């Protein structure tokens, strides 16, 4: 860990876990917001864009699975 300037491996592990939690929770919140926006959208172009975007955002947690702090965290946070 010397190259990262971190002496405390525990702190690095906690940072990784919190980072992963954020990367999983934020997309869940974003999808919920998009769904709320879709029901209130009047402009047809905006409504179409808002309708097609959530599946892309829902896939974001899958990209974090290989991160060093992801072991068990993705599943833990993704549970409803």
Protein backbone atom coordinates (compact mmCIF):
# COMPACT_ATOMS: atom_id res chain seq x y z
CA UNK A 1 0.00 0.00 0.00
CA UNK A 2 3.02 2.23 0.19
CA UNK A 3 2.46 3.39 -3.40
CA UNK A 4 -0.97 4.73 -2.43
CA UNK A 5 0.44 6.52 0.59
CA UNK A 6 -1.73 4.52 2.99
CA UNK A 7 -0.18 2.91 6.03
CA UNK A 8 -3.38 1.50 7.49
CA UNK A 9 -4.71 -1.39 5.43
CA UNK A 10 -7.89 -1.33 7.52
CA UNK A 11 -8.56 2.27 6.50
CA UNK A 12 -8.04 1.37 2.86
CA UNK A 13 -10.43 -1.57 3.16
CA UNK A 14 -13.06 0.61 4.86
CA UNK A 15 -12.65 3.21 2.12
CA UNK A 16 -13.10 0.56 -0.58
CA UNK A 17 -16.24 -0.82 1.10
CA UNK A 18 -17.79 2.65 1.44
CA UNK A 19 -16.92 3.45 -2.17
CA UNK A 20 -18.62 0.27 -3.35
CA UNK A 21 -21.69 0.98 -1.22
CA UNK A 22 -21.98 4.42 -2.79
CA UNK A 23 -21.54 3.04 -6.30
CA UNK A 24 -24.42 0.61 -5.67
CA UNK A 25 -26.78 2.90 -3.74
CA UNK A 26 -26.51 5.94 -6.01
CA UNK A 27 -27.77 4.14 -9.12
CA UNK A 28 -30.71 2.72 -7.13
CA UNK A 29 -31.65 6.24 -6.07
CA UNK A 30 -31.14 7.53 -9.61
CA UNK A 31 -33.45 4.89 -11.07
CA UNK A 32 -36.15 5.79 -8.56
CA UNK A 33 -35.81 9.46 -9.51
CA UNK A 34 -36.01 8.65 -13.24
CA UNK A 35 -39.21 6.69 -12.65
CA UNK A 36 -40.72 9.64 -10.77
CA UNK A 37 -39.64 11.99 -13.58
CA UNK A 38 -41.20 9.72 -16.20
CA UNK A 39 -44.64 9.94 -14.65
CA UNK A 40 -44.49 13.75 -14.59
CA UNK A 41 -42.80 14.39 -17.93
CA UNK A 42 -44.84 16.24 -20.53
CA UNK A 43 -42.33 16.61 -23.37
CA UNK A 44 -42.45 13.40 -25.46
CA UNK A 45 -38.69 13.46 -26.20
CA UNK A 46 -37.84 13.88 -22.53
CA UNK A 47 -40.32 11.18 -21.57
CA UNK A 48 -38.77 8.75 -24.09
CA UNK A 49 -35.24 9.47 -22.83
CA UNK A 50 -36.30 9.11 -19.21
CA UNK A 51 -37.99 5.79 -20.05
CA UNK A 52 -34.94 4.26 -21.77
CA UNK A 53 -32.25 5.38 -19.29
CA UNK A 54 -32.98 3.31 -16.12
CA UNK A 55 -31.81 -0.04 -17.57
CA UNK A 56 -28.39 1.49 -18.24
CA UNK A 57 -28.19 2.86 -14.71
CA UNK A 58 -29.40 -0.43 -13.24
CA UNK A 59 -26.37 -2.14 -14.80
CA UNK A 60 -23.87 0.16 -13.03
CA UNK A 61 -23.57 -2.01 -9.88
CA UNK A 62 -22.45 -4.91 -12.09
CA UNK A 63 -19.43 -2.88 -13.17
CA UNK A 64 -18.27 -2.43 -9.57
CA UNK A 65 -18.25 -6.15 -8.76
CA UNK A 66 -14.54 -6.52 -9.60
CA UNK A 67 -13.47 -3.65 -7.33
CA UNK A 68 -11.21 -4.67 -4.39
CA UNK A 69 -13.83 -3.70 -1.79
CA UNK A 70 -16.78 -5.35 -3.51
CA UNK A 71 -16.69 -8.77 -1.85
CA UNK A 72 -20.15 -9.23 -0.38
CA UNK A 73 -20.92 -5.52 -0.39
CA UNK A 74 -22.80 -5.41 -3.69
CA UNK A 75 -25.16 -8.16 -2.54
CA UNK A 76 -25.53 -6.59 0.91
CA UNK A 77 -26.47 -3.16 -0.45
CA UNK A 78 -28.54 -4.39 -3.40
CA UNK A 79 -30.98 -6.25 -1.13
CA UNK A 80 -34.29 -4.37 -0.94
